[in-house]
Amino acid sequence: MKLSENLKRIRKENDLSQEQLAEQLGVSRQSVSKWESGQSYPEMDKVLLICKLYNFNMDELMNENVKEVNESKQSKINVNKYIDDFFEFITKTVDMFSSMTFKQKLKCVLEQCMIILLLVLGFLIIGDVGSLAIFGVLGSLPPGIYRFARNILQSVYIILGMIVGVTVFLHIFKIRYLDYYEIVKAEDLPENDEPDDPKEERVQGGEKRKIFLEKKQEKVIIRDPEHSQSRFLNGIIRIVLWFVKFMAAWIGLGFAISLVCFVVLLVLSFLFVKTGLVFWGALLGLLAAISIHLVILELIYNFMISKKSKKARMGISFVAALIVGGISIGMMVIGGTKFNIVKDANLNHDREEVFEVPMTENLIIEHYRDIEYIESDLENVKIVVKHSKLYDVKIMQESEAVDLCFMENDTKIMEVIRDVIDDINRKEIRNYDQPVIQVYASKENIEKIKQNIKTRKENWQQELVDELNARIDELEVENIDLENQVYEKEILIEAQDAELQEKQDEIERLNQEI
């Protein structure tokens, strides 16, 4: 900040003209004008005098922004200054409205209502989007923890939304009306300021002259937009700005983590270099995503340190990344059409395991996947399971129920990953997770197994119905007990009422005897 700019700001903040400042310093107006324009500099004794008059030291006057220095000093004043500023804000508002015409008041009120409506709609939309985001992030938590976290976040959002909304509304009202209106009385108008309503009047000799009708009311005029700042609103704005920067920091942290993930994916994409267009499309898409992340992170960083962003370069980079991303999607779609989906079960499964179980009267084979039954001449039951090397299969037999259990084989995961990479490079897609279960038995045994499964399901459903009926009976008994208790209470109340009535009759009889 130059000395010339500081001198100009000091003079304006103290409502002084160049002549008045020159008189205080004992110099000519031309000297002050040259100091403010930077054509010359004041002598050392004048600099020291300025520092003494306006409570600055020489370093603040020569090297710092006096406006920021003043604000720093004022921030140390107690909270009464902010309270006074708040009441001054209200006083100015009342004075402004009292001086407005009905049309001006109506326009102002309608405009403020529209601003409030837009703010409410904006916060409702942000709240709905935030609810979806919260559900996406916290939806996997247990219901109790999710509801607690959601209620906390909703309460915080409502409180912050009210603070931000009131602050934005007051600030808009201040800069839109209060800071640009000033009441000026007729006697305070300059001498060369003509009245507002000129009219012509014909006089003797045919000449015309202009006459002016003086306004009795005070005049509301637009004043200089360079105005003093409101400490009350500035304090709230600073708090809101700190909160916004805090939220921006968290958003930036999320984008930074996402950027690291995209860089990892970029390195891993070279494993699929043989896929042709799919690889090049994925490579371009990841580069575009990384570019967009860098632009957003730079924007957040500049906002955090209050640094001006290079909007043109950032805008061009963002648009270019979007174009590259669109090209990458097209390339992957074209390349994806050349992939083959392998439906042959023998090609999808690397392992085949055979289990033989004795046939019994109530044999049941349990599994949530579909079972293929194949007729054979076997006396017992043979179960064939075809699956990938990702799983190990075991038979759990309890009583006459046979359950097939699939467990992940941790030692084979890396082999499966290598197989998946090789299949993708061969432009083949197969399902490694869908086993085939085949049951070989005679026709009679197959029918018996199916009937056992059906009977067990019916028994399970009947057991569930019986449990529900038993619960209904228990509730009916409880209801009867409650009705009996209510009936006993009613009888007791009636007896107490009768006893009370007898006592009242006895009191009336005694009163009559007395």
Protein backbone atom coordinates (compact mmCIF):
# COMPACT_ATOMS: atom_id res chain seq x y z
CA MET A 1 0.00 0.00 0.00
CA LYS A 2 1.54 3.35 -1.07
CA LEU A 3 1.77 6.41 1.17
CA SER A 4 -0.33 8.37 -1.32
CA GLU A 5 -3.22 5.89 -1.07
CA ASN A 6 -3.02 5.85 2.71
CA LEU A 7 -3.17 9.66 2.87
CA LYS A 8 -6.21 9.72 0.61
CA ARG A 9 -7.94 7.04 2.70
CA ILE A 10 -7.17 8.82 5.98
CA ARG A 11 -8.60 12.07 4.64
CA LYS A 12 -11.82 10.44 3.39
CA GLU A 13 -12.36 8.36 6.53
CA ASN A 14 -12.14 11.54 8.61
CA ASP A 15 -14.46 13.49 6.23
CA LEU A 16 -11.81 16.08 5.41
CA SER A 17 -11.23 18.03 2.23
CA GLN A 18 -7.76 18.63 0.88
CA GLU A 19 -7.93 22.22 2.14
CA GLN A 20 -8.85 21.10 5.66
CA LEU A 21 -6.07 18.54 5.80
CA ALA A 22 -3.60 21.09 4.44
CA GLU A 23 -4.67 23.54 7.14
CA GLN A 24 -4.06 20.93 9.87
CA LEU A 25 -0.59 20.18 8.52
CA GLY A 26 0.32 23.80 7.76
CA VAL A 27 0.84 23.29 4.02
CA SER A 28 -0.95 24.31 0.84
CA ARG A 29 -3.78 22.36 -0.78
CA GLN A 30 -1.57 21.78 -3.84
CA SER A 31 0.98 20.00 -1.63
CA VAL A 32 -1.68 17.63 -0.30
CA SER A 33 -2.90 17.02 -3.87
CA LYS A 34 0.62 16.14 -5.02
CA TRP A 35 1.09 13.79 -2.04
CA GLU A 36 -2.13 11.93 -2.84
CA SER A 37 -1.31 11.65 -6.54
CA GLY A 38 2.19 10.36 -5.79
CA GLN A 39 3.95 13.26 -7.51
CA SER A 40 5.83 14.18 -4.32
CA TYR A 41 6.23 12.99 -0.72
CA PRO A 42 5.77 14.92 2.52
CA GLU A 43 8.72 15.88 4.64
CA MET A 44 9.58 13.81 7.67
CA ASP A 45 8.12 16.29 10.16
CA LYS A 46 4.80 16.22 8.26
CA VAL A 47 4.80 12.40 8.27
CA LEU A 48 5.36 12.41 12.03
CA LEU A 49 2.56 14.97 12.46
CA ILE A 50 0.14 12.79 10.45
CA CYS A 51 1.05 9.78 12.59
CA LYS A 52 0.40 11.80 15.76
CA LEU A 53 -2.90 13.28 14.57
CA TYR A 54 -4.42 10.02 13.37
CA ASN A 55 -2.82 7.49 15.75
CA PHE A 56 -0.56 5.57 13.36
CA ASN A 57 3.10 4.67 13.54
CA MET A 58 5.41 5.40 10.62
CA ASP A 59 5.64 1.77 9.44
CA GLU A 60 1.83 1.45 9.29
CA LEU A 61 1.52 4.71 7.37
CA MET A 62 4.29 3.96 4.86
CA ASN A 63 3.98 0.20 4.28
CA GLU A 64 0.57 -1.12 5.41
CA ASN A 65 -3.08 -0.70 4.52
CA VAL A 66 -4.44 1.82 7.02
CA LYS A 67 -7.92 0.45 6.54
CA GLU A 68 -6.78 -3.00 7.71
CA VAL A 69 -4.81 -1.38 10.55
CA ASN A 70 -7.95 0.51 11.66
CA GLU A 71 -10.02 -2.67 11.53
CA SER A 72 -7.37 -4.51 13.55
CA LYS A 73 -7.45 -1.78 16.18
CA GLN A 74 -11.22 -1.65 16.23
CA SER A 75 -11.44 -5.43 16.66
CA LYS A 76 -9.84 -4.96 20.08
CA ILE A 77 -12.66 -2.68 21.23
CA ASN A 78 -15.26 -4.39 23.41
CA VAL A 79 -18.52 -5.82 22.14
CA ASN A 80 -20.43 -2.63 22.97
CA LYS A 81 -19.21 -1.16 19.68
CA TYR A 82 -20.89 -3.99 17.79
CA ILE A 83 -24.09 -3.52 19.75
CA ASP A 84 -24.03 0.22 19.02
CA ASP A 85 -23.45 -0.53 15.35
CA PHE A 86 -26.41 -2.93 15.34
CA PHE A 87 -28.73 -0.27 16.81
CA GLU A 88 -27.33 2.27 14.36
CA PHE A 89 -28.23 -0.15 11.56
CA ILE A 90 -31.81 -0.33 12.84
CA THR A 91 -32.01 3.47 13.25
CA LYS A 92 -30.82 4.08 9.68
CA THR A 93 -33.33 1.55 8.38
CA VAL A 94 -36.23 3.21 10.20
CA ASP A 95 -35.12 6.68 9.04
CA MET A 96 -34.85 5.50 5.45
CA PHE A 97 -38.32 3.93 5.45
CA SER A 98 -39.87 6.98 7.07
CA SER A 99 -38.45 9.18 4.27
CA MET A 100 -39.53 6.92 1.39
CA THR A 101 -42.69 7.40 -0.61
CA PHE A 102 -45.33 4.67 -0.54
CA LYS A 103 -44.21 3.43 -3.96
CA GLN A 104 -40.60 3.18 -2.82
CA LYS A 105 -41.61 1.35 0.36
CA LEU A 106 -43.73 -1.13 -1.60
CA LYS A 107 -40.91 -1.79 -4.04
CA CYS A 108 -38.41 -2.32 -1.23
CA VAL A 109 -40.70 -4.71 0.70
CA LEU A 110 -41.53 -6.76 -2.41
CA GLU A 111 -37.85 -7.01 -3.30
CA GLN A 112 -36.93 -8.21 0.20
CA CYS A 113 -39.74 -10.81 0.11
CA MET A 114 -38.41 -12.08 -3.20
CA ILE A 115 -34.88 -12.34 -1.78
CA ILE A 116 -36.18 -14.29 1.25
CA LEU A 117 -38.13 -16.64 -1.04
CA LEU A 118 -35.07 -17.28 -3.20
CA LEU A 119 -32.91 -17.93 -0.13
CA VAL A 120 -35.45 -20.39 1.32
CA LEU A 121 -35.77 -22.23 -2.01
CA GLY A 122 -32.00 -22.37 -2.33
CA PHE A 123 -31.53 -23.82 1.14
CA LEU A 124 -34.35 -26.35 0.58
CA ILE A 125 -32.72 -27.56 -2.64
CA ILE A 126 -29.30 -27.77 -0.98
CA GLY A 127 -30.90 -29.61 1.96
CA ASP A 128 -32.53 -32.22 -0.33
CA VAL A 129 -29.26 -32.80 -2.18
CA GLY A 130 -27.43 -32.98 1.15
CA SER A 131 -29.93 -35.57 2.46
CA LEU A 132 -29.26 -37.79 -0.56
CA ALA A 133 -25.51 -37.36 -0.07
CA ILE A 134 -25.78 -38.19 3.65
CA PHE A 135 -27.81 -41.31 2.84
CA GLY A 136 -25.21 -42.36 0.27
CA VAL A 137 -22.33 -41.89 2.71
CA LEU A 138 -23.95 -43.02 5.98
CA GLY A 139 -26.65 -45.35 4.66
CA SER A 140 -24.55 -48.43 5.41
CA LEU A 141 -24.38 -47.61 9.15
CA PRO A 142 -26.73 -49.28 11.65
CA PRO A 143 -30.18 -47.61 11.71
CA GLY A 144 -29.76 -46.13 15.20
CA ILE A 145 -26.35 -44.59 14.47
CA TYR A 146 -27.57 -43.38 11.05
CA ARG A 147 -30.61 -41.61 12.52
CA PHE A 148 -28.48 -40.00 15.25
CA ALA A 149 -25.86 -38.77 12.75
CA ARG A 150 -28.56 -37.55 10.36
CA ASN A 151 -30.38 -35.60 13.09
CA ILE A 152 -27.11 -33.99 14.23
CA LEU A 153 -26.20 -32.97 10.68
CA GLN A 154 -29.73 -31.66 10.02
CA SER A 155 -29.65 -29.55 13.20
CA VAL A 156 -26.24 -28.13 12.29
CA TYR A 157 -27.45 -27.39 8.76
CA ILE A 158 -30.61 -25.62 9.99
CA ILE A 159 -28.66 -23.44 12.44
CA LEU A 160 -25.98 -22.55 9.90
CA GLY A 161 -28.61 -22.04 7.22
CA MET A 162 -30.45 -19.53 9.42
CA ILE A 163 -27.20 -17.68 10.23
CA VAL A 164 -26.09 -17.60 6.58
CA GLY A 165 -29.57 -16.69 5.35
CA VAL A 166 -30.01 -13.79 7.79
CA THR A 167 -26.49 -12.55 7.03
CA VAL A 168 -26.99 -12.67 3.27
CA PHE A 169 -30.40 -10.99 3.56
CA LEU A 170 -29.10 -8.15 5.75
CA HIS A 171 -26.02 -7.66 3.59
CA ILE A 172 -28.07 -7.47 0.39
CA PHE A 173 -30.47 -5.02 2.03
CA LYS A 174 -27.55 -2.91 3.24
CA ILE A 175 -25.69 -2.70 -0.07
CA ARG A 176 -28.91 -2.46 -2.11
CA TYR A 177 -30.67 0.26 -0.09
CA LEU A 178 -29.15 1.43 3.18
CA ASP A 179 -25.67 2.19 1.84
CA TYR A 180 -26.97 4.04 -1.20
CA TYR A 181 -29.63 6.25 0.39
CA GLU A 182 -29.07 9.37 2.41
CA ILE A 183 -31.56 11.90 3.77
CA VAL A 184 -30.65 15.46 2.80
CA LYS A 185 -32.56 18.47 4.14
CA ALA A 186 -33.38 21.45 1.92
CA GLU A 187 -31.03 23.80 3.76
CA ASP A 188 -28.17 21.33 3.28
CA LEU A 189 -28.47 21.31 -0.53
CA PRO A 190 -25.74 23.14 -2.48
CA GLU A 191 -26.56 26.64 -3.68
CA ASN A 192 -26.42 25.59 -7.34
CA ASP A 193 -28.77 22.67 -6.76
CA GLU A 194 -32.00 23.56 -8.50
CA PRO A 195 -35.37 22.41 -7.24
CA ASP A 196 -36.88 19.42 -8.94
CA ASP A 197 -40.12 20.65 -10.54
CA PRO A 198 -39.56 23.51 -13.01
CA LYS A 199 -42.75 25.01 -14.55
CA GLU A 200 -43.25 27.79 -17.07
CA GLU A 201 -45.51 30.77 -16.42
CA ARG A 202 -46.52 33.44 -18.99
CA VAL A 203 -46.14 37.04 -17.72
CA GLN A 204 -46.90 40.51 -19.15
CA GLY A 205 -45.23 41.17 -22.53
CA GLY A 206 -45.60 37.54 -23.61
CA GLU A 207 -42.36 36.47 -21.92
CA LYS A 208 -42.03 33.18 -20.20
CA ARG A 209 -40.16 32.46 -17.07
CA LYS A 210 -39.47 29.32 -15.11
CA ILE A 211 -40.69 28.94 -11.57
CA PHE A 212 -39.88 26.13 -9.18
CA LEU A 213 -42.10 24.51 -6.61
CA GLU A 214 -40.20 23.82 -3.42
CA LYS A 215 -40.64 20.43 -1.81
CA LYS A 216 -41.66 20.54 1.77
CA GLN A 217 -40.43 17.07 2.58
CA GLU A 218 -36.86 16.00 2.98
CA LYS A 219 -35.14 14.66 -0.09
CA VAL A 220 -33.78 11.09 -0.41
CA ILE A 221 -30.76 10.91 -2.72
CA ILE A 222 -28.25 8.29 -3.72
CA ARG A 223 -24.93 8.90 -2.04
CA ASP A 224 -21.34 7.89 -2.71
CA PRO A 225 -21.01 4.06 -2.75
CA GLU A 226 -17.73 4.33 -0.81
CA HIS A 227 -19.20 4.07 2.64
CA SER A 228 -18.19 3.03 6.09
CA GLN A 229 -18.41 -0.67 6.78
CA SER A 230 -20.78 -2.12 9.37
CA ARG A 231 -18.85 -3.83 12.14
CA PHE A 232 -21.93 -5.84 13.09
CA LEU A 233 -22.36 -7.34 9.61
CA ASN A 234 -18.63 -7.64 9.06
CA GLY A 235 -18.31 -9.74 12.22
CA ILE A 236 -21.04 -12.14 11.08
CA ILE A 237 -19.60 -12.25 7.55
CA ARG A 238 -16.18 -13.18 8.91
CA ILE A 239 -17.67 -16.04 10.94
CA VAL A 240 -19.57 -17.30 7.91
CA LEU A 241 -16.45 -16.96 5.75
CA TRP A 242 -14.40 -18.97 8.23
CA PHE A 243 -17.04 -21.69 8.25
CA VAL A 244 -17.20 -21.72 4.43
CA LYS A 245 -13.40 -22.03 4.27
CA PHE A 246 -13.53 -24.86 6.81
CA MET A 247 -16.09 -26.71 4.69
CA ALA A 248 -14.03 -25.96 1.56
CA ALA A 249 -11.00 -27.52 3.27
CA TRP A 250 -12.94 -30.73 3.90
CA ILE A 251 -14.21 -30.76 0.33
CA GLY A 252 -10.65 -30.20 -0.87
CA LEU A 253 -9.47 -33.12 1.27
CA GLY A 254 -12.08 -35.33 -0.40
CA PHE A 255 -10.94 -34.23 -3.86
CA ALA A 256 -7.30 -34.83 -2.85
CA ILE A 257 -8.08 -38.41 -1.80
CA SER A 258 -10.06 -38.90 -5.01
CA LEU A 259 -7.12 -37.52 -7.01
CA VAL A 260 -4.79 -40.11 -5.44
CA CYS A 261 -7.27 -42.87 -6.35
CA PHE A 262 -7.44 -41.69 -9.97
CA VAL A 263 -3.62 -41.62 -10.16
CA VAL A 264 -3.52 -45.22 -8.86
CA LEU A 265 -6.12 -46.22 -11.46
CA LEU A 266 -4.05 -44.48 -14.12
CA VAL A 267 -1.05 -46.66 -13.25
CA LEU A 268 -3.19 -49.82 -13.07
CA SER A 269 -4.76 -49.08 -16.46
CA PHE A 270 -1.49 -50.11 -18.14
CA LEU A 271 -2.32 -53.71 -17.16
CA PHE A 272 -5.03 -53.63 -19.84
CA VAL A 273 -2.92 -52.16 -22.63
CA LYS A 274 -3.90 -55.00 -25.02
CA THR A 275 -7.59 -53.98 -25.02
CA GLY A 276 -6.97 -51.32 -27.68
CA LEU A 277 -9.54 -48.54 -27.73
CA VAL A 278 -10.81 -49.45 -24.28
CA PHE A 279 -7.35 -48.88 -22.82
CA TRP A 280 -6.75 -45.60 -24.66
CA GLY A 281 -10.24 -44.40 -23.79
CA ALA A 282 -9.74 -45.26 -20.11
CA LEU A 283 -6.32 -43.57 -20.18
CA LEU A 284 -7.76 -40.34 -21.64
CA GLY A 285 -10.70 -40.46 -19.23
CA LEU A 286 -8.43 -40.81 -16.20
CA LEU A 287 -6.22 -37.96 -17.43
CA ALA A 288 -9.34 -35.80 -17.88
CA ALA A 289 -10.57 -36.69 -14.37
CA ILE A 290 -7.14 -35.85 -12.91
CA SER A 291 -7.12 -32.51 -14.76
CA ILE A 292 -10.59 -31.61 -13.42
CA HIS A 293 -9.48 -32.53 -9.89
CA LEU A 294 -6.40 -30.33 -10.21
CA VAL A 295 -8.51 -27.38 -11.40
CA ILE A 296 -10.95 -27.81 -8.50
CA LEU A 297 -8.14 -28.19 -5.96
CA GLU A 298 -6.42 -25.07 -7.29
CA LEU A 299 -9.70 -23.16 -7.04
CA ILE A 300 -10.23 -24.32 -3.44
CA TYR A 301 -6.62 -23.49 -2.53
CA ASN A 302 -6.90 -19.98 -3.98
CA PHE A 303 -10.14 -19.47 -2.09
CA MET A 304 -8.55 -20.64 1.17
CA ILE A 305 -5.61 -18.21 0.91
CA SER A 306 -7.72 -15.43 -0.68
CA LYS A 307 -5.68 -15.51 -3.86
CA LYS A 308 -7.12 -14.43 -7.18
CA SER A 309 -7.64 -17.37 -9.55
CA LYS A 310 -6.67 -17.31 -13.20
CA LYS A 311 -10.20 -17.85 -14.41
CA ALA A 312 -9.42 -17.93 -18.13
CA ARG A 313 -6.77 -20.65 -17.84
CA MET A 314 -8.82 -22.67 -15.35
CA GLY A 315 -11.94 -22.38 -17.49
CA ILE A 316 -10.11 -23.50 -20.62
CA SER A 317 -8.54 -26.43 -18.73
CA PHE A 318 -11.93 -27.50 -17.34
CA VAL A 319 -13.68 -27.38 -20.71
CA ALA A 320 -10.78 -29.19 -22.41
CA ALA A 321 -10.94 -31.93 -19.75
CA LEU A 322 -14.68 -32.35 -20.30
CA ILE A 323 -14.13 -32.67 -24.06
CA VAL A 324 -11.38 -35.25 -23.54
CA GLY A 325 -13.65 -37.11 -21.10
CA GLY A 326 -16.42 -37.26 -23.71
CA ILE A 327 -13.97 -38.59 -26.32
CA SER A 328 -12.73 -41.22 -23.87
CA ILE A 329 -16.28 -42.46 -23.19
CA GLY A 330 -16.89 -42.78 -26.93
CA MET A 331 -13.65 -44.71 -27.41
CA MET A 332 -14.47 -47.12 -24.58
CA VAL A 333 -17.98 -47.72 -25.96
CA ILE A 334 -16.56 -48.50 -29.42
CA GLY A 335 -13.87 -50.73 -27.96
CA GLY A 336 -16.36 -52.47 -25.66
CA THR A 337 -18.42 -53.68 -28.61
CA LYS A 338 -15.53 -56.00 -29.54
CA PHE A 339 -15.65 -57.87 -26.21
CA ASN A 340 -17.13 -61.39 -26.10
CA ILE A 341 -19.30 -62.64 -23.24
CA VAL A 342 -18.36 -66.24 -22.42
CA LYS A 343 -21.51 -68.16 -21.47
CA ASP A 344 -20.09 -71.67 -21.62
CA ALA A 345 -20.13 -72.98 -18.05
CA ASN A 346 -17.15 -75.25 -18.72
CA LEU A 347 -15.05 -72.23 -19.65
CA ASN A 348 -16.23 -70.14 -16.69
CA HIS A 349 -15.35 -72.76 -14.08
CA ASP A 350 -11.85 -73.96 -13.30
CA ARG A 351 -12.70 -76.56 -10.70
CA GLU A 352 -15.14 -79.44 -10.35
CA GLU A 353 -15.85 -81.21 -7.09
CA VAL A 354 -17.93 -84.35 -6.60
CA PHE A 355 -19.68 -85.37 -3.38
CA GLU A 356 -21.65 -88.59 -2.78
CA VAL A 357 -24.24 -88.84 -0.02
CA PRO A 358 -26.43 -91.82 0.91
CA MET A 359 -30.09 -91.60 -0.02
CA THR A 360 -32.42 -91.50 2.98
CA GLU A 361 -36.15 -91.16 3.40
CA ASN A 362 -36.05 -87.46 4.35
CA LEU A 363 -32.96 -86.27 2.45
CA ILE A 364 -32.90 -82.55 1.70
CA ILE A 365 -30.33 -80.59 -0.33
CA GLU A 366 -30.24 -76.93 0.69
CA HIS A 367 -28.76 -74.03 -1.27
CA TYR A 368 -29.93 -70.58 -2.35
CA ARG A 369 -28.73 -71.13 -5.94
CA ASP A 370 -30.61 -73.15 -8.56
CA ILE A 371 -29.99 -76.90 -8.58
CA GLU A 372 -30.04 -78.99 -11.76
CA TYR A 373 -31.43 -82.50 -11.24
CA ILE A 374 -30.21 -85.24 -13.63
CA GLU A 375 -31.66 -88.76 -13.71
CA SER A 376 -29.21 -91.67 -13.38
CA ASP A 377 -29.08 -95.30 -12.21
CA LEU A 378 -27.19 -94.50 -9.03
CA GLU A 379 -28.53 -95.87 -5.76
CA ASN A 380 -27.09 -92.97 -3.75
CA VAL A 381 -27.02 -89.27 -4.62
CA LYS A 382 -24.05 -87.69 -6.40
CA ILE A 383 -23.60 -83.94 -6.17
CA VAL A 384 -21.34 -82.24 -8.75
CA VAL A 385 -20.30 -78.62 -8.17
CA LYS A 386 -18.50 -76.67 -10.91
CA HIS A 387 -17.00 -73.35 -9.75
CA SER A 388 -14.07 -71.00 -10.09
CA LYS A 389 -10.88 -71.24 -8.07
CA LEU A 390 -12.04 -68.24 -6.03
CA TYR A 391 -14.12 -70.56 -3.81
CA ASP A 392 -13.73 -73.75 -1.82
CA VAL A 393 -16.83 -75.94 -1.46
CA LYS A 394 -17.69 -78.01 1.59
CA ILE A 395 -20.71 -80.11 2.54
CA MET A 396 -22.32 -79.47 5.93
CA GLN A 397 -24.69 -82.31 6.85
CA GLU A 398 -26.95 -82.06 9.85
CA SER A 399 -29.37 -84.90 10.39
CA GLU A 400 -30.77 -85.56 6.90
CA ALA A 401 -30.21 -82.04 5.53
CA VAL A 402 -27.23 -81.47 3.22
CA ASP A 403 -26.02 -77.86 2.89
CA LEU A 404 -23.45 -76.72 0.32
CA CYS A 405 -21.14 -74.03 1.73
CA PHE A 406 -19.05 -71.79 -0.53
CA MET A 407 -16.06 -70.12 1.15
CA GLU A 408 -13.65 -67.65 -0.42
CA ASN A 409 -10.18 -69.03 -1.02
CA ASP A 410 -7.85 -66.24 0.05
CA THR A 411 -4.78 -68.03 -1.34
CA LYS A 412 -6.28 -68.03 -4.84
CA ILE A 413 -7.37 -64.35 -5.01
CA MET A 414 -4.22 -63.20 -6.79
CA GLU A 415 -4.57 -66.04 -9.31
CA VAL A 416 -8.15 -65.00 -9.98
CA ILE A 417 -7.07 -61.36 -10.45
CA ARG A 418 -4.42 -62.46 -12.96
CA ASP A 419 -7.00 -64.58 -14.79
CA VAL A 420 -9.42 -61.63 -14.93
CA ILE A 421 -6.68 -59.39 -16.37
CA ASP A 422 -5.77 -62.02 -18.97
CA ASP A 423 -9.44 -62.46 -19.94
CA ILE A 424 -9.95 -58.70 -20.34
CA ASN A 425 -6.81 -58.44 -22.48
CA ARG A 426 -8.26 -61.28 -24.61
CA LYS A 427 -11.45 -59.17 -24.77
CA GLU A 428 -13.49 -61.81 -22.96
CA ILE A 429 -15.95 -61.36 -20.09
CA ARG A 430 -16.96 -64.32 -17.96
CA ASN A 431 -18.83 -64.83 -14.69
CA TYR A 432 -16.55 -66.23 -12.01
CA ASP A 433 -19.12 -66.06 -9.23
CA GLN A 434 -21.93 -68.30 -10.54
CA PRO A 435 -21.35 -71.99 -9.78
CA VAL A 436 -23.26 -74.86 -11.35
CA ILE A 437 -24.80 -77.44 -9.00
CA GLN A 438 -25.88 -80.80 -10.47
CA VAL A 439 -27.58 -83.62 -8.55
CA TYR A 440 -27.46 -87.14 -10.05
CA ALA A 441 -30.03 -89.65 -8.73
CA SER A 442 -32.76 -91.98 -9.83
CA LYS A 443 -36.12 -90.58 -10.85
CA GLU A 444 -37.80 -91.82 -7.68
CA ASN A 445 -35.10 -90.34 -5.46
CA ILE A 446 -35.23 -86.98 -7.29
CA GLU A 447 -39.00 -86.80 -6.78
CA LYS A 448 -38.56 -87.72 -3.12
CA ILE A 449 -35.87 -85.04 -2.60
CA LYS A 450 -38.07 -82.39 -4.23
CA GLN A 451 -41.07 -83.50 -2.15
CA ASN A 452 -38.97 -83.35 1.04
CA ILE A 453 -37.88 -79.81 0.20
CA LYS A 454 -41.49 -78.80 -0.49
CA THR A 455 -42.72 -80.46 2.72
CA ARG A 456 -40.01 -78.75 4.77
CA LYS A 457 -40.91 -75.37 3.31
CA GLU A 458 -44.59 -75.97 4.08
CA ASN A 459 -43.71 -77.07 7.63
CA TRP A 460 -41.59 -73.97 8.10
CA GLN A 461 -44.44 -71.78 6.90
CA GLN A 462 -46.87 -73.59 9.16
CA GLU A 463 -44.53 -73.16 12.12
CA LEU A 464 -44.39 -69.45 11.39
CA VAL A 465 -48.19 -69.29 11.21
CA ASP A 466 -48.49 -71.21 14.48
CA GLU A 467 -46.07 -68.82 16.18
CA LEU A 468 -48.07 -65.84 14.97
CA ASN A 469 -51.33 -67.42 16.11
CA ALA A 470 -49.83 -68.17 19.51
CA ARG A 471 -48.70 -64.57 19.80
CA ILE A 472 -52.21 -63.41 18.86
CA ASP A 473 -53.67 -65.64 21.60
CA GLU A 474 -51.22 -64.18 24.12
CA LEU A 475 -52.20 -60.66 23.13
CA GLU A 476 -55.89 -61.51 23.41
CA VAL A 477 -55.32 -62.88 26.94
CA GLU A 478 -53.41 -59.72 27.86
CA ASN A 479 -56.25 -57.64 26.42
CA ILE A 480 -58.82 -59.53 28.50
CA ASP A 481 -56.70 -59.00 31.63
CA LEU A 482 -56.51 -55.29 30.92
CA GLU A 483 -60.26 -55.09 30.36
CA ASN A 484 -60.83 -56.85 33.69
CA GLN A 485 -58.51 -54.42 35.42
CA VAL A 486 -60.38 -51.49 33.85
CA TYR A 487 -63.70 -52.99 34.98
CA GLU A 488 -62.43 -53.44 38.55
CA LYS A 489 -61.18 -49.83 38.54
CA GLU A 490 -64.59 -48.62 37.36
CA ILE A 491 -66.36 -50.58 40.14
CA LEU A 492 -63.93 -49.13 42.69
CA ILE A 493 -64.54 -45.62 41.42
CA GLU A 494 -68.32 -46.09 41.58
CA ALA A 495 -68.03 -47.32 45.18
CA GLN A 496 -65.89 -44.33 46.11
CA ASP A 497 -68.39 -41.99 44.45
CA ALA A 498 -71.25 -43.59 46.40
CA GLU A 499 -69.30 -43.26 49.66
CA LEU A 500 -68.50 -39.64 48.87
CA GLN A 501 -72.16 -38.92 48.12
CA GLU A 502 -73.17 -40.43 51.46
CA LYS A 503 -70.68 -38.20 53.27
CA GLN A 504 -72.00 -35.13 51.45
CA ASP A 505 -75.58 -36.06 52.41
CA GLU A 506 -74.49 -36.51 56.03
CA ILE A 507 -72.82 -33.08 55.99
CA GLU A 508 -75.96 -31.44 54.57
CA ARG A 509 -78.12 -33.15 57.24
CA LEU A 510 -75.84 -31.92 60.04
CA ASN A 511 -75.89 -28.40 58.58
CA GLN A 512 -79.68 -28.42 58.59
CA GLU A 513 -79.76 -29.58 62.23
CA ILE A 514 -77.35 -26.84 63.20
